[in-house]
Amino acid sequence: MTIITVNSPKSRLSLEQRRTLAEALTDAVLVPEVGQFAPPARVGFQVHFVEREPDMMAIGGRLLEDIGPDADVMVIDVAVMDGDWRQEVRTAVIERVLAALADACGLAEPSPTWWVNFRVIDEGSWGSSGGVLSVLSLLDTRVFTEEKVKAIRAALGA
């Protein structure tokens, strides 16, 4: 289970860019999380787009409304289930998210005012389908590589 929330100024992202990002951001996290490209695992990912009026976001102490249309601020929050999230895996996710965003926006590189927050939800702190979920119950789905299964079990002491 992964939830990616893209917070942006209203009308910053077109419908087509959101369509592109829904898939690209999912895969940007999915591949490092399970160790391979596994389309069946996409069902466990949600991408939420939250648009805010320019008077509801600020950077450098100034409302975007006062800065003008050149202010390109976005915050992407990635919330994942506990697992194999060593620093190199987190780094890969953050870099892939920023690259996917730049690509969808037609830019050569990500803006320095786009920020990614990466959060790991502790084992036993994620719920759905009427109960608490565990990444351990997902390890037998065959979407994770054997290396990832071993790394997740080791990270969780299971």
C-alpha atoms as a PDB file:
ATOM      1  CA  MET A   1       0.000   0.000   0.000  1.00  0.00           C
ATOM      2  CA  THR A   2       1.360   3.354  -1.048  1.00  0.00           C
ATOM      3  CA  ILE A   3      -0.263   6.770  -1.201  1.00  0.00           C
ATOM      4  CA  ILE A   4       1.319   9.557  -3.220  1.00  0.00           C
ATOM      5  CA  THR A   5      -0.167  13.028  -2.762  1.00  0.00           C
ATOM      6  CA  VAL A   6       0.755  15.803  -5.177  1.00  0.00           C
ATOM      7  CA  ASN A   7       0.054  19.264  -3.773  1.00  0.00           C
ATOM      8  CA  SER A   8       0.208  22.006  -6.399  1.00  0.00           C
ATOM      9  CA  PRO A   9      -1.194  25.418  -7.235  1.00  0.00           C
ATOM     10  CA  LYS A  10      -4.567  25.308  -8.951  1.00  0.00           C
ATOM     11  CA  SER A  11      -4.304  24.613 -12.697  1.00  0.00           C
ATOM     12  CA  ARG A  12      -0.541  23.892 -12.488  1.00  0.00           C
ATOM     13  CA  LEU A  13      -1.076  20.392 -13.845  1.00  0.00           C
ATOM     14  CA  SER A  14      -3.299  19.720 -16.831  1.00  0.00           C
ATOM     15  CA  LEU A  15      -5.601  16.708 -17.045  1.00  0.00           C
ATOM     16  CA  GLU A  16      -3.145  15.034 -19.431  1.00  0.00           C
ATOM     17  CA  GLN A  17      -0.218  15.689 -17.044  1.00  0.00           C
ATOM     18  CA  ARG A  18      -2.214  14.173 -14.169  1.00  0.00           C
ATOM     19  CA  ARG A  19      -2.982  11.109 -16.307  1.00  0.00           C
ATOM     20  CA  THR A  20       0.707  10.727 -17.089  1.00  0.00           C
ATOM     21  CA  LEU A  21       1.740  11.292 -13.476  1.00  0.00           C
ATOM     22  CA  ALA A  22      -0.803   8.826 -12.067  1.00  0.00           C
ATOM     23  CA  GLU A  23       1.072   6.019 -13.827  1.00  0.00           C
ATOM     24  CA  ALA A  24       4.601   7.453 -13.710  1.00  0.00           C
ATOM     25  CA  LEU A  25       4.523   8.250  -9.983  1.00  0.00           C
ATOM     26  CA  THR A  26       3.056   4.839  -9.196  1.00  0.00           C
ATOM     27  CA  ASP A  27       5.888   3.141 -11.070  1.00  0.00           C
ATOM     28  CA  ALA A  28       8.487   5.521  -9.593  1.00  0.00           C
ATOM     29  CA  VAL A  29       7.736   4.016  -6.169  1.00  0.00           C
ATOM     30  CA  LEU A  30       6.607   0.538  -7.202  1.00  0.00           C
ATOM     31  CA  VAL A  31       9.850  -0.541  -8.864  1.00  0.00           C
ATOM     32  CA  PRO A  32      12.155   0.265  -5.890  1.00  0.00           C
ATOM     33  CA  GLU A  33       9.539  -1.048  -3.431  1.00  0.00           C
ATOM     34  CA  VAL A  34       9.033  -4.510  -4.954  1.00  0.00           C
ATOM     35  CA  GLY A  35      12.350  -4.771  -6.819  1.00  0.00           C
ATOM     36  CA  GLN A  36      10.919  -5.010 -10.326  1.00  0.00           C
ATOM     37  CA  PHE A  37       8.295  -3.658 -12.703  1.00  0.00           C
ATOM     38  CA  ALA A  38       5.156  -5.517 -11.594  1.00  0.00           C
ATOM     39  CA  PRO A  39       1.903  -4.129 -13.067  1.00  0.00           C
ATOM     40  CA  PRO A  40      -0.320  -6.353 -10.847  1.00  0.00           C
ATOM     41  CA  ALA A  41       1.075  -4.484  -7.805  1.00  0.00           C
ATOM     42  CA  ARG A  42      -0.306  -1.150  -9.078  1.00  0.00           C
ATOM     43  CA  VAL A  43      -3.648  -1.873  -7.411  1.00  0.00           C
ATOM     44  CA  GLY A  44      -1.971  -1.164  -4.045  1.00  0.00           C
ATOM     45  CA  PHE A  45      -1.039   2.387  -5.066  1.00  0.00           C
ATOM     46  CA  GLN A  46      -3.097   5.566  -4.959  1.00  0.00           C
ATOM     47  CA  VAL A  47      -2.131   8.968  -6.341  1.00  0.00           C
ATOM     48  CA  HIS A  48      -4.056  11.989  -5.068  1.00  0.00           C
ATOM     49  CA  PHE A  49      -3.867  15.400  -6.728  1.00  0.00           C
ATOM     50  CA  VAL A  50      -4.621  18.314  -4.414  1.00  0.00           C
ATOM     51  CA  GLU A  51      -4.858  21.760  -5.967  1.00  0.00           C
ATOM     52  CA  ARG A  52      -4.651  24.891  -3.867  1.00  0.00           C
ATOM     53  CA  GLU A  53      -5.540  28.461  -4.702  1.00  0.00           C
ATOM     54  CA  PRO A  54      -2.501  30.773  -5.046  1.00  0.00           C
ATOM     55  CA  ASP A  55      -3.534  32.555  -1.848  1.00  0.00           C
ATOM     56  CA  MET A  56      -3.356  29.230   0.033  1.00  0.00           C
ATOM     57  CA  MET A  57       0.327  28.467  -0.692  1.00  0.00           C
ATOM     58  CA  ALA A  58       3.442  30.462   0.096  1.00  0.00           C
ATOM     59  CA  ILE A  59       7.149  30.225  -0.524  1.00  0.00           C
ATOM     60  CA  GLY A  60       9.819  32.385   1.043  1.00  0.00           C
ATOM     61  CA  GLY A  61       7.185  33.971   3.250  1.00  0.00           C
ATOM     62  CA  ARG A  62       5.139  35.265   0.319  1.00  0.00           C
ATOM     63  CA  LEU A  63       1.843  33.987  -1.014  1.00  0.00           C
ATOM     64  CA  LEU A  64       1.987  32.646  -4.540  1.00  0.00           C
ATOM     65  CA  GLU A  65      -0.810  35.104  -5.288  1.00  0.00           C
ATOM     66  CA  ASP A  66       1.670  37.926  -4.598  1.00  0.00           C
ATOM     67  CA  ILE A  67       4.590  36.334  -6.449  1.00  0.00           C
ATOM     68  CA  GLY A  68       2.774  35.699  -9.706  1.00  0.00           C
ATOM     69  CA  PRO A  69       2.472  32.876 -12.223  1.00  0.00           C
ATOM     70  CA  ASP A  70       6.212  32.098 -12.271  1.00  0.00           C
ATOM     71  CA  ALA A  71       6.083  30.588  -8.769  1.00  0.00           C
ATOM     72  CA  ASP A  72       6.243  26.832  -9.363  1.00  0.00           C
ATOM     73  CA  VAL A  73       5.748  25.196  -5.980  1.00  0.00           C
ATOM     74  CA  MET A  74       4.821  21.541  -5.475  1.00  0.00           C
ATOM     75  CA  VAL A  75       5.052  19.141  -2.562  1.00  0.00           C
ATOM     76  CA  ILE A  76       4.821  15.416  -3.200  1.00  0.00           C
ATOM     77  CA  ASP A  77       4.147  13.269  -0.136  1.00  0.00           C
ATOM     78  CA  VAL A  78       4.955   9.566  -0.465  1.00  0.00           C
ATOM     79  CA  ALA A  79       3.569   7.358   2.326  1.00  0.00           C
ATOM     80  CA  VAL A  80       4.607   3.686   2.244  1.00  0.00           C
ATOM     81  CA  MET A  81       4.184   0.580   4.388  1.00  0.00           C
ATOM     82  CA  ASP A  82       7.182  -0.411   6.491  1.00  0.00           C
ATOM     83  CA  GLY A  83       9.638  -2.603   4.616  1.00  0.00           C
ATOM     84  CA  ASP A  84      13.025  -2.397   2.917  1.00  0.00           C
ATOM     85  CA  TRP A  85      13.512   1.375   2.916  1.00  0.00           C
ATOM     86  CA  ARG A  86      17.273   1.683   3.271  1.00  0.00           C
ATOM     87  CA  GLN A  87      18.640   5.113   2.369  1.00  0.00           C
ATOM     88  CA  GLU A  88      19.618   4.050  -1.157  1.00  0.00           C
ATOM     89  CA  VAL A  89      16.049   2.822  -1.806  1.00  0.00           C
ATOM     90  CA  ARG A  90      14.568   6.078  -0.459  1.00  0.00           C
ATOM     91  CA  THR A  91      17.000   8.051  -2.606  1.00  0.00           C
ATOM     92  CA  ALA A  92      15.966   6.081  -5.693  1.00  0.00           C
ATOM     93  CA  VAL A  93      12.275   6.754  -4.998  1.00  0.00           C
ATOM     94  CA  ILE A  94      12.775  10.490  -4.452  1.00  0.00           C
ATOM     95  CA  GLU A  95      14.902  10.846  -7.590  1.00  0.00           C
ATOM     96  CA  ARG A  96      12.430   8.832  -9.670  1.00  0.00           C
ATOM     97  CA  VAL A  97       9.470  10.894  -8.399  1.00  0.00           C
ATOM     98  CA  LEU A  98      11.190  14.182  -9.233  1.00  0.00           C
ATOM     99  CA  ALA A  99      12.260  12.906 -12.671  1.00  0.00           C
ATOM    100  CA  ALA A 100       8.714  11.720 -13.454  1.00  0.00           C
ATOM    101  CA  LEU A 101       7.340  15.108 -12.428  1.00  0.00           C
ATOM    102  CA  ALA A 102       9.860  17.005 -14.572  1.00  0.00           C
ATOM    103  CA  ASP A 103       9.160  14.737 -17.544  1.00  0.00           C
ATOM    104  CA  ALA A 104       5.371  15.167 -17.234  1.00  0.00           C
ATOM    105  CA  CYS A 105       5.829  18.939 -16.996  1.00  0.00           C
ATOM    106  CA  GLY A 106       8.108  19.045 -20.042  1.00  0.00           C
ATOM    107  CA  LEU A 107      11.126  20.284 -18.097  1.00  0.00           C
ATOM    108  CA  ALA A 108      14.744  19.182 -18.439  1.00  0.00           C
ATOM    109  CA  GLU A 109      15.127  18.985 -14.654  1.00  0.00           C
ATOM    110  CA  PRO A 110      12.980  19.299 -11.535  1.00  0.00           C
ATOM    111  CA  SER A 111      12.366  22.734 -10.065  1.00  0.00           C
ATOM    112  CA  PRO A 112      14.218  23.484  -6.803  1.00  0.00           C
ATOM    113  CA  THR A 113      10.833  24.475  -5.361  1.00  0.00           C
ATOM    114  CA  TRP A 114       9.398  20.979  -5.776  1.00  0.00           C
ATOM    115  CA  TRP A 115       9.848  18.988  -2.597  1.00  0.00           C
ATOM    116  CA  VAL A 116       9.311  15.315  -1.857  1.00  0.00           C
ATOM    117  CA  ASN A 117       8.495  14.028   1.620  1.00  0.00           C
ATOM    118  CA  PHE A 118       9.080  10.308   2.100  1.00  0.00           C
ATOM    119  CA  ARG A 119       7.264   8.746   5.053  1.00  0.00           C
ATOM    120  CA  VAL A 120       7.290   5.159   6.263  1.00  0.00           C
ATOM    121  CA  ILE A 121       4.170   4.085   8.130  1.00  0.00           C
ATOM    122  CA  ASP A 122       5.188   1.779  10.987  1.00  0.00           C
ATOM    123  CA  GLU A 123       4.272  -1.902  10.786  1.00  0.00           C
ATOM    124  CA  GLY A 124       0.805  -2.328  12.287  1.00  0.00           C
ATOM    125  CA  SER A 125      -0.190   1.299  11.616  1.00  0.00           C
ATOM    126  CA  TRP A 126      -1.859   0.908   8.208  1.00  0.00           C
ATOM    127  CA  GLY A 127      -5.440  -0.253   7.843  1.00  0.00           C
ATOM    128  CA  SER A 128      -7.855  -1.230   5.074  1.00  0.00           C
ATOM    129  CA  SER A 129     -10.590  -3.771   4.407  1.00  0.00           C
ATOM    130  CA  GLY A 130     -11.754  -3.617   8.009  1.00  0.00           C
ATOM    131  CA  GLY A 131      -8.434  -4.310   9.682  1.00  0.00           C
ATOM    132  CA  VAL A 132      -4.737  -3.686  10.068  1.00  0.00           C
ATOM    133  CA  LEU A 133      -2.509  -4.572   7.117  1.00  0.00           C
ATOM    134  CA  SER A 134       1.027  -5.876   7.113  1.00  0.00           C
ATOM    135  CA  VAL A 135       3.517  -5.870   4.276  1.00  0.00           C
ATOM    136  CA  LEU A 136       4.418  -9.407   5.421  1.00  0.00           C
ATOM    137  CA  SER A 137       1.048 -10.667   4.160  1.00  0.00           C
ATOM    138  CA  LEU A 138       1.894  -9.314   0.688  1.00  0.00           C
ATOM    139  CA  LEU A 139       5.219 -11.105   0.317  1.00  0.00           C
ATOM    140  CA  ASP A 140       3.639 -14.261  -1.123  1.00  0.00           C
ATOM    141  CA  THR A 141       1.918 -12.383  -3.983  1.00  0.00           C
ATOM    142  CA  ARG A 142       4.906 -12.954  -6.296  1.00  0.00           C
ATOM    143  CA  VAL A 143       5.219  -9.264  -7.176  1.00  0.00           C
ATOM    144  CA  PHE A 144       8.280  -8.859  -4.934  1.00  0.00           C
ATOM    145  CA  THR A 145      11.634 -10.180  -6.089  1.00  0.00           C
ATOM    146  CA  GLU A 146      13.255 -12.818  -3.856  1.00  0.00           C
ATOM    147  CA  GLU A 147      15.915 -10.249  -2.902  1.00  0.00           C
ATOM    148  CA  LYS A 148      13.204  -7.798  -1.808  1.00  0.00           C
ATOM    149  CA  VAL A 149      11.364 -10.460   0.200  1.00  0.00           C
ATOM    150  CA  LYS A 150      14.587 -11.256   2.086  1.00  0.00           C
ATOM    151  CA  ALA A 151      15.388  -7.570   2.629  1.00  0.00           C
ATOM    152  CA  ILE A 152      11.868  -6.797   3.915  1.00  0.00           C
ATOM    153  CA  ARG A 153      11.898  -9.772   6.299  1.00  0.00           C
ATOM    154  CA  ALA A 154      15.319  -8.689   7.563  1.00  0.00           C
ATOM    155  CA  ALA A 155      14.231  -5.053   7.981  1.00  0.00           C
ATOM    156  CA  LEU A 156      11.160  -6.114   9.974  1.00  0.00           C
ATOM    157  CA  GLY A 157      12.921  -8.859  11.899  1.00  0.00           C
ATOM    158  CA  ALA A 158      10.505 -11.457  10.531  1.00  0.00           C
END
